[in-house]
Protein backbone atom coordinates (compact mmCIF):
# COMPACT_ATOMS: atom_id res chain seq x y z
CA MET A 1 0.01 0.05 0.00
CA ASP A 2 2.76 2.39 0.79
CA LYS A 3 4.37 1.72 -2.69
CA LEU A 4 1.10 2.59 -4.20
CA LYS A 5 0.81 5.80 -2.27
CA ASP A 6 4.38 6.73 -3.10
CA LYS A 7 3.75 6.17 -6.83
CA ARG A 8 0.62 8.41 -6.64
CA TYR A 9 2.70 11.05 -4.80
CA LEU A 10 5.48 10.84 -7.40
CA LYS A 11 2.94 11.20 -10.19
CA LEU A 12 1.26 14.14 -8.51
CA PHE A 13 4.56 15.84 -8.06
CA ALA A 14 5.53 15.16 -11.56
CA VAL A 15 2.29 16.66 -12.83
CA ILE A 16 2.63 19.72 -10.53
CA GLY A 17 6.33 20.12 -11.53
CA ILE A 18 5.46 19.97 -15.31
CA MET A 19 2.61 22.61 -14.70
CA LEU A 20 5.00 24.72 -12.85
CA LEU A 21 7.61 24.45 -15.57
CA LEU A 22 5.05 25.39 -18.28
CA TYR A 23 3.72 28.23 -16.25
CA ILE A 24 6.99 29.80 -15.21
CA ILE A 25 9.14 29.19 -18.38
CA VAL A 26 7.17 28.30 -21.50
CA GLN A 27 4.26 30.63 -21.21
CA PRO A 28 6.40 33.75 -20.81
CA LEU A 29 8.33 32.56 -23.79
CA ILE A 30 5.30 32.28 -25.95
CA VAL A 31 4.09 35.77 -24.98
CA LYS A 32 7.53 37.20 -25.65
CA TRP A 33 7.70 35.45 -28.93
CA SER A 34 4.17 36.66 -30.13
CA GLY A 35 5.07 40.19 -29.06
CA LEU A 36 8.34 39.96 -31.11
CA ASN A 37 6.36 38.55 -34.17
CA ALA A 38 3.95 41.67 -33.88
CA ALA A 39 6.89 44.06 -33.76
CA ILE A 40 8.48 42.34 -36.85
CA ARG A 41 5.28 42.75 -38.64
CA ILE A 42 4.99 46.47 -37.90
CA ASN A 43 8.57 47.07 -38.86
CA GLU A 44 8.27 45.20 -42.04
CA SER A 45 5.24 47.26 -43.00
CA LYS A 46 7.21 50.44 -42.22
CA PHE A 47 10.10 49.09 -44.23
CA HIS A 48 7.82 48.52 -47.24
CA LYS A 49 6.40 51.98 -47.01
CA THR A 50 9.85 53.58 -46.96
CA LEU A 51 10.87 51.52 -49.90
CA LYS A 52 7.89 52.67 -51.75
CA LEU A 53 8.74 56.26 -50.99
CA ILE A 54 12.34 55.69 -51.97
CA SER A 55 11.20 54.16 -55.21
CA GLU A 56 9.04 57.17 -56.04
CA LYS A 57 11.70 59.67 -54.94
CA ASN A 58 12.35 60.83 -58.51
CA LYS A 59 8.67 61.35 -59.16
CA ILE A 60 8.13 63.33 -55.98
CA ASN A 61 11.14 65.46 -56.79
CA SER A 62 9.97 66.15 -60.22
CA VAL A 63 6.53 67.32 -59.03
CA TYR A 64 8.00 69.30 -56.40
CA LYS A 65 10.34 70.99 -58.91
CA SER A 66 7.46 71.76 -61.27
CA ILE A 67 5.50 73.38 -58.60
CA ALA A 68 8.41 75.24 -57.20
CA ALA A 69 9.24 76.52 -60.69
CA GLU A 70 5.81 78.10 -61.11
CA VAL A 71 5.42 79.56 -57.71
CA ALA A 72 8.06 82.04 -56.36
CA PHE A 73 8.45 80.88 -52.83
CA ASP A 74 10.48 83.83 -51.85
CA LYS A 75 7.68 86.16 -52.70
CA LEU A 76 5.28 83.96 -51.02
CA ILE A 77 7.03 84.31 -47.78
CA VAL A 78 8.52 87.82 -47.87
CA GLY A 79 7.66 90.64 -50.27
CA ASP A 80 5.52 93.73 -50.51
CA ASP A 81 1.75 93.34 -50.55
CA GLU A 82 1.31 93.50 -54.35
CA ASP A 83 3.99 90.75 -54.98
CA VAL A 84 2.31 88.51 -52.40
CA ARG A 85 -1.06 89.20 -54.07
CA ILE A 86 0.20 88.21 -57.43
CA SER A 87 1.92 85.08 -56.16
CA VAL A 88 -1.10 83.99 -54.15
CA TYR A 89 -3.17 84.45 -57.37
CA LYS A 90 -0.83 82.30 -59.38
CA GLU A 91 -0.76 79.70 -56.55
CA LEU A 92 -4.46 79.57 -56.38
CA ASN A 93 -4.81 79.19 -60.30
CA LYS A 94 -2.29 76.34 -60.18
CA LEU A 95 -4.09 74.60 -57.22
CA ALA A 96 -7.52 75.11 -59.08
CA SER A 97 -6.21 73.53 -62.22
CA HIS A 98 -4.60 70.70 -60.36
CA CYS A 99 -7.97 69.95 -58.42
CA LYS A 100 -10.24 70.62 -61.43
CA VAL A 101 -11.92 73.47 -59.72
CA LYS A 102 -13.31 76.45 -61.69
CA LEU A 103 -11.94 79.65 -60.07
CA ARG A 104 -14.65 82.25 -60.75
CA SER A 105 -13.15 85.17 -58.99
CA VAL A 106 -10.29 86.17 -56.57
CA THR A 107 -10.81 89.39 -54.86
CA PRO A 108 -8.18 90.96 -52.52
CA LYS A 109 -9.67 92.35 -49.40
CA THR A 110 -8.09 94.45 -46.63
CA THR A 111 -4.66 94.11 -45.17
CA ILE A 112 -4.81 93.81 -41.38
CA SER A 113 -2.14 94.25 -38.73
CA ASN A 114 -3.07 93.27 -35.27
CA LYS A 115 -1.64 93.80 -31.86
CA GLU A 116 0.31 90.37 -32.01
CA ASN A 117 2.37 91.82 -34.93
CA GLU A 118 0.62 89.66 -37.41
CA HIS A 119 0.30 91.09 -40.71
CA ALA A 120 -2.17 89.28 -43.14
CA LEU A 121 -3.78 89.78 -46.44
CA TYR A 122 -7.31 88.53 -46.92
CA PHE A 123 -8.87 87.29 -50.31
CA GLU A 124 -12.28 86.30 -51.26
CA ILE A 125 -12.48 83.38 -53.54
CA ASN A 126 -15.40 82.12 -55.46
CA VAL A 127 -15.12 78.67 -56.95
CA GLU A 128 -17.30 75.92 -58.36
CA ALA A 129 -16.55 72.23 -58.59
CA ASP A 130 -17.80 68.76 -57.56
CA LEU A 131 -17.45 67.75 -53.87
CA GLU A 132 -14.11 65.84 -54.55
CA GLY A 133 -12.57 68.81 -56.23
CA ILE A 134 -13.58 71.34 -53.57
CA LEU A 135 -12.18 68.95 -50.84
CA LYS A 136 -8.91 68.59 -52.51
CA PHE A 137 -8.79 72.39 -53.15
CA LEU A 138 -9.48 73.18 -49.52
CA TYR A 139 -6.92 70.59 -48.37
CA TYR A 140 -4.22 72.01 -50.59
CA ILE A 141 -4.93 75.54 -49.34
CA GLU A 142 -4.58 74.41 -45.78
CA SER A 143 -1.53 72.41 -46.32
CA SER A 144 0.18 75.13 -48.56
CA PHE A 145 3.68 76.32 -47.91
CA SER A 146 2.63 79.86 -48.40
CA LEU A 147 0.96 80.24 -45.02
CA MET A 148 -2.55 80.38 -46.36
CA SER A 149 -5.65 79.29 -44.28
CA THR A 150 -9.30 79.44 -44.76
CA GLU A 151 -11.21 81.77 -42.37
CA ASN A 152 -14.74 81.27 -43.55
CA VAL A 153 -16.46 78.90 -46.25
CA LYS A 154 -20.02 79.28 -47.56
CA VAL A 155 -21.43 76.49 -49.75
CA SER A 156 -24.27 76.82 -52.02
CA PRO A 157 -25.58 74.41 -54.74
CA ALA A 158 -24.69 75.01 -58.45
CA SER A 159 -25.83 73.28 -61.56
CA ASN A 160 -24.96 69.64 -62.62
CA ASN A 161 -24.27 68.21 -59.14
CA ARG A 162 -21.72 70.92 -58.53
CA LEU A 163 -21.14 73.32 -55.55
CA MET A 164 -20.36 76.86 -55.40
CA LEU A 165 -17.99 78.07 -52.56
CA LEU A 166 -17.29 81.50 -51.32
CA ILE A 167 -14.04 81.19 -49.32
CA LYS A 168 -12.51 83.94 -47.15
CA LEU A 169 -8.80 83.20 -47.37
CA LYS A 170 -6.08 84.54 -44.98
CA ARG A 171 -2.41 84.78 -46.03
CA ILE A 172 -0.07 85.65 -43.20
CA LEU A 173 2.84 87.91 -44.05
CA ILE A 174 6.20 87.60 -42.36
């Protein structure tokens, strides 16, 4: 009977030992391994995105150079009010043609200097396009290098599923 009890205890200790071994050593290894696999997948996707950008480097540079050639960035950032008005008008025409937006009118408004020493020119722009073109146009205005931002946008319907926008544009002068 004692030998039978000893075998049972031995089996019980063996099972408990195996369970502790799995819980203490193997389970943390599995968790660490799955975490490393996830990190590898994330880094692989970043690597592939970077490779894609590198492969399109020449295309990006050519687009940038074509835009930079048409827009005088020095006059967009620093210049007298008339030079800035002309360069903003040129940039708006370029953006409108790129976004397939019909630029109906660009009217310069007042020049304002406020107490924070911010000098700004305001323009009133009237455009007509479909929704996609308008969204692209507004996006490019907001992400422009020339410190332009929209102050106010009024939308009204036009013909053939097109929209008419009246945009109050602010151009900060440095």
